[in-house]
Amino acid sequence: MSLKEELAAFRARAESKRAPEVVAAMHRAVDELRACGAIGRVLKVGERAPEFTLPDQRGEPVSSAALLARGPLVVTFYRGVW
């Protein structure tokens, strides 16, 4: 099975566990992102992200510049609760 086929199967299994209106809302959100041109603004491999400041797990602001001064930086986003 190819990766594309595996991902399609995974999506089908995940969507089968959600209410149809939730799945429809998720698909609309993806369609809106595509329509607004968000894909064209995504960073490419090797591009430098703009500097930013975000709250840490305690709500304290942390800047990317401060973290980069200490070494390489990996940023992970968690979607939270939908």
PDB file of N, CA and C in Angstrom:
ATOM      1  N   MET A   1       0.850  -1.178   0.000  1.00  0.00           N
ATOM      2  CA  MET A   1       0.000   0.000   0.000  1.00  0.00           C
ATOM      3  C   MET A   1       0.894   1.240   0.000  1.00  0.00           C
ATOM      4  N   SER A   2       0.598   2.184  -0.862  1.00  0.00           N
ATOM      5  CA  SER A   2       1.399   3.406  -0.940  1.00  0.00           C
ATOM      6  C   SER A   2       1.074   4.325   0.234  1.00  0.00           C
ATOM      7  N   LEU A   3       1.927   5.291   0.481  1.00  0.00           N
ATOM      8  CA  LEU A   3       1.689   6.261   1.547  1.00  0.00           C
ATOM      9  C   LEU A   3       0.385   7.003   1.303  1.00  0.00           C
ATOM     10  N   LYS A   4       0.137   7.379   0.052  1.00  0.00           N
ATOM     11  CA  LYS A   4      -1.099   8.089  -0.278  1.00  0.00           C
ATOM     12  C   LYS A   4      -2.320   7.243   0.079  1.00  0.00           C
ATOM     13  N   GLU A   5      -2.252   5.961  -0.219  1.00  0.00           N
ATOM     14  CA  GLU A   5      -3.362   5.058   0.104  1.00  0.00           C
ATOM     15  C   GLU A   5      -3.506   4.876   1.620  1.00  0.00           C
ATOM     16  N   GLU A   6      -2.394   4.775   2.312  1.00  0.00           N
ATOM     17  CA  GLU A   6      -2.439   4.648   3.769  1.00  0.00           C
ATOM     18  C   GLU A   6      -3.053   5.883   4.409  1.00  0.00           C
ATOM     19  N   LEU A   7      -2.670   7.063   3.921  1.00  0.00           N
ATOM     20  CA  LEU A   7      -3.222   8.302   4.472  1.00  0.00           C
ATOM     21  C   LEU A   7      -4.719   8.408   4.181  1.00  0.00           C
ATOM     22  N   ALA A   8      -5.140   8.007   3.007  1.00  0.00           N
ATOM     23  CA  ALA A   8      -6.562   8.029   2.668  1.00  0.00           C
ATOM     24  C   ALA A   8      -7.342   7.085   3.578  1.00  0.00           C
ATOM     25  N   ALA A   9      -6.792   5.907   3.842  1.00  0.00           N
ATOM     26  CA  ALA A   9      -7.446   4.945   4.732  1.00  0.00           C
ATOM     27  C   ALA A   9      -7.514   5.488   6.154  1.00  0.00           C
ATOM     28  N   PHE A  10      -6.438   6.121   6.607  1.00  0.00           N
ATOM     29  CA  PHE A  10      -6.414   6.715   7.941  1.00  0.00           C
ATOM     30  C   PHE A  10      -7.479   7.799   8.053  1.00  0.00           C
ATOM     31  N   ARG A  11      -7.565   8.655   7.021  1.00  0.00           N
ATOM     32  CA  ARG A  11      -8.561   9.724   7.033  1.00  0.00           C
ATOM     33  C   ARG A  11      -9.978   9.135   7.082  1.00  0.00           C
ATOM     34  N   ALA A  12     -10.218   8.116   6.282  1.00  0.00           N
ATOM     35  CA  ALA A  12     -11.542   7.498   6.253  1.00  0.00           C
ATOM     36  C   ALA A  12     -11.909   6.915   7.618  1.00  0.00           C
ATOM     37  N   ARG A  13     -10.952   6.248   8.264  1.00  0.00           N
ATOM     38  CA  ARG A  13     -11.219   5.694   9.603  1.00  0.00           C
ATOM     39  C   ARG A  13     -11.495   6.806  10.603  1.00  0.00           C
ATOM     40  N   ALA A  14     -10.696   7.864  10.573  1.00  0.00           N
ATOM     41  CA  ALA A  14     -10.872   8.973  11.515  1.00  0.00           C
ATOM     42  C   ALA A  14     -12.213   9.666  11.293  1.00  0.00           C
ATOM     43  N   GLU A  15     -12.566   9.895  10.044  1.00  0.00           N
ATOM     44  CA  GLU A  15     -13.818  10.586   9.745  1.00  0.00           C
ATOM     45  C   GLU A  15     -15.027   9.728  10.093  1.00  0.00           C
ATOM     46  N   SER A  16     -14.890   8.412  10.006  1.00  0.00           N
ATOM     47  CA  SER A  16     -16.020   7.531  10.317  1.00  0.00           C
ATOM     48  C   SER A  16     -16.392   7.578  11.795  1.00  0.00           C
ATOM     49  N   LYS A  17     -15.481   8.065  12.635  1.00  0.00           N
ATOM     50  CA  LYS A  17     -15.720   8.139  14.078  1.00  0.00           C
ATOM     51  C   LYS A  17     -16.294   9.487  14.500  1.00  0.00           C
ATOM     52  N   ARG A  18     -16.480  10.405  13.546  1.00  0.00           N
ATOM     53  CA  ARG A  18     -16.983  11.735  13.867  1.00  0.00           C
ATOM     54  C   ARG A  18     -18.362  11.945  13.260  1.00  0.00           C
ATOM     55  N   ALA A  19     -19.099  12.864  13.837  1.00  0.00           N
ATOM     56  CA  ALA A  19     -20.422  13.202  13.315  1.00  0.00           C
ATOM     57  C   ALA A  19     -20.270  13.818  11.926  1.00  0.00           C
ATOM     58  N   PRO A  20     -21.201  13.543  11.032  1.00  0.00           N
ATOM     59  CA  PRO A  20     -21.101  14.087   9.670  1.00  0.00           C
ATOM     60  C   PRO A  20     -20.964  15.604   9.621  1.00  0.00           C
ATOM     61  N   GLU A  21     -21.638  16.306  10.519  1.00  0.00           N
ATOM     62  CA  GLU A  21     -21.531  17.773  10.512  1.00  0.00           C
ATOM     63  C   GLU A  21     -20.142  18.245  10.932  1.00  0.00           C
ATOM     64  N   VAL A  22     -19.466  17.487  11.776  1.00  0.00           N
ATOM     65  CA  VAL A  22     -18.094  17.822  12.175  1.00  0.00           C
ATOM     66  C   VAL A  22     -17.157  17.609  10.989  1.00  0.00           C
ATOM     67  N   VAL A  23     -17.307  16.500  10.307  1.00  0.00           N
ATOM     68  CA  VAL A  23     -16.483  16.202   9.136  1.00  0.00           C
ATOM     69  C   VAL A  23     -16.705  17.268   8.064  1.00  0.00           C
ATOM     70  N   ALA A  24     -17.969  17.651   7.839  1.00  0.00           N
ATOM     71  CA  ALA A  24     -18.274  18.679   6.845  1.00  0.00           C
ATOM     72  C   ALA A  24     -17.613  20.006   7.222  1.00  0.00           C
ATOM     73  N   ALA A  25     -17.646  20.367   8.509  1.00  0.00           N
ATOM     74  CA  ALA A  25     -17.017  21.615   8.963  1.00  0.00           C
ATOM     75  C   ALA A  25     -15.504  21.569   8.746  1.00  0.00           C
ATOM     76  N   MET A  26     -14.897  20.424   9.008  1.00  0.00           N
ATOM     77  CA  MET A  26     -13.454  20.282   8.799  1.00  0.00           C
ATOM     78  C   MET A  26     -13.107  20.429   7.321  1.00  0.00           C
ATOM     79  N   HIS A  27     -13.896  19.813   6.455  1.00  0.00           N
ATOM     80  CA  HIS A  27     -13.648  19.912   5.014  1.00  0.00           C
ATOM     81  C   HIS A  27     -13.837  21.352   4.523  1.00  0.00           C
ATOM     82  N   ARG A  28     -14.864  22.047   5.061  1.00  0.00           N
ATOM     83  CA  ARG A  28     -15.065  23.458   4.682  1.00  0.00           C
ATOM     84  C   ARG A  28     -13.867  24.299   5.095  1.00  0.00           C
ATOM     85  N   ALA A  29     -13.334  24.053   6.293  1.00  0.00           N
ATOM     86  CA  ALA A  29     -12.181  24.816   6.767  1.00  0.00           C
ATOM     87  C   ALA A  29     -10.979  24.605   5.862  1.00  0.00           C
ATOM     88  N   VAL A  30     -10.748  23.373   5.450  1.00  0.00           N
ATOM     89  CA  VAL A  30      -9.629  23.079   4.541  1.00  0.00           C
ATOM     90  C   VAL A  30      -9.852  23.758   3.196  1.00  0.00           C
ATOM     91  N   ASP A  31     -11.074  23.686   2.691  1.00  0.00           N
ATOM     92  CA  ASP A  31     -11.401  24.340   1.414  1.00  0.00           C
ATOM     93  C   ASP A  31     -11.179  25.847   1.491  1.00  0.00           C
ATOM     94  N   GLU A  32     -11.552  26.459   2.612  1.00  0.00           N
ATOM     95  CA  GLU A  32     -11.357  27.900   2.801  1.00  0.00           C
ATOM     96  C   GLU A  32      -9.872  28.257   2.813  1.00  0.00           C
ATOM     97  N   LEU A  33      -9.066  27.432   3.462  1.00  0.00           N
ATOM     98  CA  LEU A  33      -7.622  27.681   3.479  1.00  0.00           C
ATOM     99  C   LEU A  33      -7.040  27.595   2.071  1.00  0.00           C
ATOM    100  N   ARG A  34      -7.485  26.607   1.318  1.00  0.00           N
ATOM    101  CA  ARG A  34      -7.006  26.476  -0.064  1.00  0.00           C
ATOM    102  C   ARG A  34      -7.441  27.684  -0.891  1.00  0.00           C
ATOM    103  N   ALA A  35      -8.703  28.096  -0.743  1.00  0.00           N
ATOM    104  CA  ALA A  35      -9.261  29.190  -1.544  1.00  0.00           C
ATOM    105  C   ALA A  35      -8.599  30.532  -1.246  1.00  0.00           C
ATOM    106  N   CYS A  36      -8.160  30.739  -0.004  1.00  0.00           N
ATOM    107  CA  CYS A  36      -7.566  32.036   0.355  1.00  0.00           C
ATOM    108  C   CYS A  36      -6.084  32.111   0.007  1.00  0.00           C
ATOM    109  N   GLY A  37      -5.533  31.033  -0.535  1.00  0.00           N
ATOM    110  CA  GLY A  37      -4.133  31.055  -0.945  1.00  0.00           C
ATOM    111  C   GLY A  37      -3.139  30.763   0.165  1.00  0.00           C
ATOM    112  N   ALA A  38      -3.611  30.192   1.258  1.00  0.00           N
ATOM    113  CA  ALA A  38      -2.719  29.910   2.390  1.00  0.00           C
ATOM    114  C   ALA A  38      -1.566  28.990   1.989  1.00  0.00           C
ATOM    115  N   ILE A  39      -1.827  28.066   1.088  1.00  0.00           N
ATOM    116  CA  ILE A  39      -0.782  27.119   0.654  1.00  0.00           C
ATOM    117  C   ILE A  39       0.430  27.866   0.116  1.00  0.00           C
ATOM    118  N   GLY A  40       0.209  28.934  -0.619  1.00  0.00           N
ATOM    119  CA  GLY A  40       1.304  29.690  -1.206  1.00  0.00           C
ATOM    120  C   GLY A  40       2.139  30.448  -0.191  1.00  0.00           C
ATOM    121  N   ARG A  41       1.608  30.616   1.021  1.00  0.00           N
ATOM    122  CA  ARG A  41       2.322  31.372   2.061  1.00  0.00           C
ATOM    123  C   ARG A  41       3.017  30.476   3.080  1.00  0.00           C
ATOM    124  N   VAL A  42       2.912  29.162   2.897  1.00  0.00           N
ATOM    125  CA  VAL A  42       3.546  28.216   3.816  1.00  0.00           C
ATOM    126  C   VAL A  42       5.058  28.260   3.612  1.00  0.00           C
ATOM    127  N   LEU A  43       5.797  28.210   4.726  1.00  0.00           N
ATOM    128  CA  LEU A  43       7.254  28.186   4.621  1.00  0.00           C
ATOM    129  C   LEU A  43       7.705  26.928   3.900  1.00  0.00           C
ATOM    130  N   LYS A  44       8.710  27.076   3.087  1.00  0.00           N
ATOM    131  CA  LYS A  44       9.295  25.939   2.375  1.00  0.00           C
ATOM    132  C   LYS A  44      10.463  25.382   3.194  1.00  0.00           C
ATOM    133  N   VAL A  45      10.847  24.170   2.896  1.00  0.00           N
ATOM    134  CA  VAL A  45      11.966  23.542   3.585  1.00  0.00           C
ATOM    135  C   VAL A  45      13.193  24.445   3.466  1.00  0.00           C
ATOM    136  N   GLY A  46      13.826  24.711   4.597  1.00  0.00           N
ATOM    137  CA  GLY A  46      15.040  25.519   4.607  1.00  0.00           C
ATOM    138  C   GLY A  46      14.797  27.004   4.805  1.00  0.00           C
ATOM    139  N   GLU A  47      13.546  27.473   4.667  1.00  0.00           N
ATOM    140  CA  GLU A  47      13.260  28.890   4.877  1.00  0.00           C
ATOM    141  C   GLU A  47      13.246  29.190   6.373  1.00  0.00           C
ATOM    142  N   ARG A  48      13.625  30.415   6.693  1.00  0.00           N
ATOM    143  CA  ARG A  48      13.638  30.843   8.094  1.00  0.00           C
ATOM    144  C   ARG A  48      12.276  31.411   8.456  1.00  0.00           C
ATOM    145  N   ALA A  49      11.754  30.956   9.574  1.00  0.00           N
ATOM    146  CA  ALA A  49      10.469  31.464  10.069  1.00  0.00           C
ATOM    147  C   ALA A  49      10.662  32.874  10.622  1.00  0.00           C
ATOM    148  N   PRO A  50       9.634  33.708  10.559  1.00  0.00           N
ATOM    149  CA  PRO A  50       9.739  35.032  11.168  1.00  0.00           C
ATOM    150  C   PRO A  50       9.845  34.907  12.681  1.00  0.00           C
ATOM    151  N   GLU A  51      10.446  35.893  13.314  1.00  0.00           N
ATOM    152  CA  GLU A  51      10.524  35.887  14.780  1.00  0.00           C
ATOM    153  C   GLU A  51       9.119  36.014  15.346  1.00  0.00           C
ATOM    154  N   PHE A  52       8.911  35.392  16.506  1.00  0.00           N
ATOM    155  CA  PHE A  52       7.603  35.463  17.152  1.00  0.00           C
ATOM    156  C   PHE A  52       7.766  35.313  18.651  1.00  0.00           C
ATOM    157  N   THR A  53       6.740  35.689  19.365  1.00  0.00           N
ATOM    158  CA  THR A  53       6.663  35.492  20.803  1.00  0.00           C
ATOM    159  C   THR A  53       5.315  34.841  21.093  1.00  0.00           C
ATOM    160  N   LEU A  54       5.353  33.748  21.837  1.00  0.00           N
ATOM    161  CA  LEU A  54       4.144  33.002  22.181  1.00  0.00           C
ATOM    162  C   LEU A  54       4.183  32.636  23.657  1.00  0.00           C
ATOM    163  N   PRO A  55       3.025  32.390  24.256  1.00  0.00           N
ATOM    164  CA  PRO A  55       3.020  31.985  25.664  1.00  0.00           C
ATOM    165  C   PRO A  55       3.468  30.531  25.817  1.00  0.00           C
ATOM    166  N   ASP A  56       4.195  30.267  26.904  1.00  0.00           N
ATOM    167  CA  ASP A  56       4.584  28.890  27.195  1.00  0.00           C
ATOM    168  C   ASP A  56       3.455  28.212  27.973  1.00  0.00           C
ATOM    169  N   GLN A  57       3.715  27.022  28.505  1.00  0.00           N
ATOM    170  CA  GLN A  57       2.687  26.266  29.204  1.00  0.00           C
ATOM    171  C   GLN A  57       2.176  26.958  30.458  1.00  0.00           C
ATOM    172  N   ARG A  58       2.930  27.922  30.980  1.00  0.00           N
ATOM    173  CA  ARG A  58       2.497  28.680  32.153  1.00  0.00           C
ATOM    174  C   ARG A  58       1.886  30.029  31.768  1.00  0.00           C
ATOM    175  N   GLY A  59       1.830  30.309  30.466  1.00  0.00           N
ATOM    176  CA  GLY A  59       1.283  31.576  30.006  1.00  0.00           C
ATOM    177  C   GLY A  59       2.315  32.687  29.917  1.00  0.00           C
ATOM    178  N   GLU A  60       3.570  32.375  30.185  1.00  0.00           N
ATOM    179  CA  GLU A  60       4.642  33.367  30.127  1.00  0.00           C
ATOM    180  C   GLU A  60       5.118  33.527  28.688  1.00  0.00           C
ATOM    181  N   PRO A  61       5.359  34.768  28.237  1.00  0.00           N
ATOM    182  CA  PRO A  61       5.829  34.963  26.860  1.00  0.00           C
ATOM    183  C   PRO A  61       7.257  34.450  26.660  1.00  0.00           C
ATOM    184  N   VAL A  62       7.457  33.767  25.538  1.00  0.00           N
ATOM    185  CA  VAL A  62       8.778  33.251  25.167  1.00  0.00           C
ATOM    186  C   VAL A  62       9.016  33.636  23.717  1.00  0.00           C
ATOM    187  N   SER A  63      10.168  34.250  23.445  1.00  0.00           N
ATOM    188  CA  SER A  63      10.454  34.668  22.071  1.00  0.00           C
ATOM    189  C   SER A  63      11.304  33.627  21.356  1.00  0.00           C
ATOM    190  N   SER A  64      11.056  33.502  20.070  1.00  0.00           N
ATOM    191  CA  SER A  64      11.841  32.567  19.271  1.00  0.00           C
ATOM    192  C   SER A  64      13.307  33.004  19.245  1.00  0.00           C
ATOM    193  N   ALA A  65      13.553  34.302  19.239  1.00  0.00           N
ATOM    194  CA  ALA A  65      14.938  34.801  19.223  1.00  0.00           C
ATOM    195  C   ALA A  65      15.690  34.350  20.470  1.00  0.00           C
ATOM    196  N   ALA A  66      15.028  34.410  21.616  1.00  0.00           N
ATOM    197  CA  ALA A  66      15.680  33.991  22.871  1.00  0.00           C
ATOM    198  C   ALA A  66      15.982  32.493  22.840  1.00  0.00           C
ATOM    199  N   LEU A  67      15.052  31.712  22.315  1.00  0.00           N
ATOM    200  CA  LEU A  67      15.288  30.270  22.240  1.00  0.00           C
ATOM    201  C   LEU A  67      16.382  29.938  21.235  1.00  0.00           C
ATOM    202  N   LEU A  68      16.385  30.620  20.093  1.00  0.00           N
ATOM    203  CA  LEU A  68      17.423  30.361  19.084  1.00  0.00           C
ATOM    204  C   LEU A  68      18.814  30.729  19.602  1.00  0.00           C
ATOM    205  N   ALA A  69      18.895  31.685  20.499  1.00  0.00           N
ATOM    206  CA  ALA A  69      20.186  32.067  21.074  1.00  0.00           C
ATOM    207  C   ALA A  69      20.789  30.922  21.884  1.00  0.00           C
ATOM    208  N   ARG A  70      19.924  30.000  22.324  1.00  0.00           N
ATOM    209  CA  ARG A  70      20.383  28.852  23.113  1.00  0.00           C
ATOM    210  C   ARG A  70      20.687  27.635  22.256  1.00  0.00           C
ATOM    211  N   GLY A  71      20.296  27.661  20.976  1.00  0.00           N
ATOM    212  CA  GLY A  71      20.546  26.521  20.102  1.00  0.00           C
ATOM    213  C   GLY A  71      19.421  26.337  19.102  1.00  0.00           C
ATOM    214  N   PRO A  72      19.417  25.215  18.375  1.00  0.00           N
ATOM    215  CA  PRO A  72      18.373  24.956  17.382  1.00  0.00           C
ATOM    216  C   PRO A  72      16.986  24.958  18.023  1.00  0.00           C
ATOM    217  N   LEU A  73      15.998  25.317  17.232  1.00  0.00           N
ATOM    218  CA  LEU A  73      14.633  25.445  17.726  1.00  0.00           C
ATOM    219  C   LEU A  73      13.691  24.601  16.877  1.00  0.00           C
ATOM    220  N   VAL A  74      12.880  23.801  17.544  1.00  0.00           N
ATOM    221  CA  VAL A  74      11.829  23.028  16.879  1.00  0.00           C
ATOM    222  C   VAL A  74      10.508  23.536  17.442  1.00  0.00           C
ATOM    223  N   VAL A  75       9.576  23.887  16.557  1.00  0.00           N
ATOM    224  CA  VAL A  75       8.272  24.396  16.979  1.00  0.00           C
ATOM    225  C   VAL A  75       7.220  23.341  16.660  1.00  0.00           C
ATOM    226  N   THR A  76       6.410  23.015  17.646  1.00  0.00           N
ATOM    227  CA  THR A  76       5.327  22.051  17.471  1.00  0.00           C
ATOM    228  C   THR A  76       4.021  22.730  17.828  1.00  0.00           C
ATOM    229  N   PHE A  77       3.010  22.524  16.991  1.00  0.00           N
ATOM    230  CA  PHE A  77       1.696  23.101  17.244  1.00  0.00           C
ATOM    231  C   PHE A  77       0.727  21.986  17.618  1.00  0.00           C
ATOM    232  N   TYR A  78      -0.030  22.231  18.665  1.00  0.00           N
ATOM    233  CA  TYR A  78      -1.076  21.304  19.072  1.00  0.00           C
ATOM    234  C   TYR A  78      -2.413  21.957  18.765  1.00  0.00           C
ATOM    235  N   ARG A  79      -3.314  21.219  18.152  1.00  0.00           N
ATOM    236  CA  ARG A  79      -4.575  21.806  17.711  1.00  0.00           C
ATOM    237  C   ARG A  79      -5.515  22.117  18.865  1.00  0.00           C
ATOM    238  N   GLY A  80      -5.286  21.570  20.030  1.00  0.00           N
ATOM    239  CA  GLY A  80      -6.190  21.817  21.142  1.00  0.00           C
ATOM    240  C   GLY A  80      -7.472  21.028  21.000  1.00  0.00           C
ATOM    241  N   VAL A  81      -8.532  21.519  21.596  1.00  0.00           N
ATOM    242  CA  VAL A  81      -9.822  20.834  21.560  1.00  0.00           C
ATOM    243  C   VAL A  81     -10.695  21.454  20.486  1.00  0.00           C
ATOM    244  N   TRP A  82     -11.245  20.616  19.618  1.00  0.00           N
ATOM    245  CA  TRP A  82     -12.177  21.085  18.583  1.00  0.00           C
ATOM    246  C   TRP A  82     -13.570  20.711  18.965  1.00  0.00           C
TER     247      TRP A  82
END
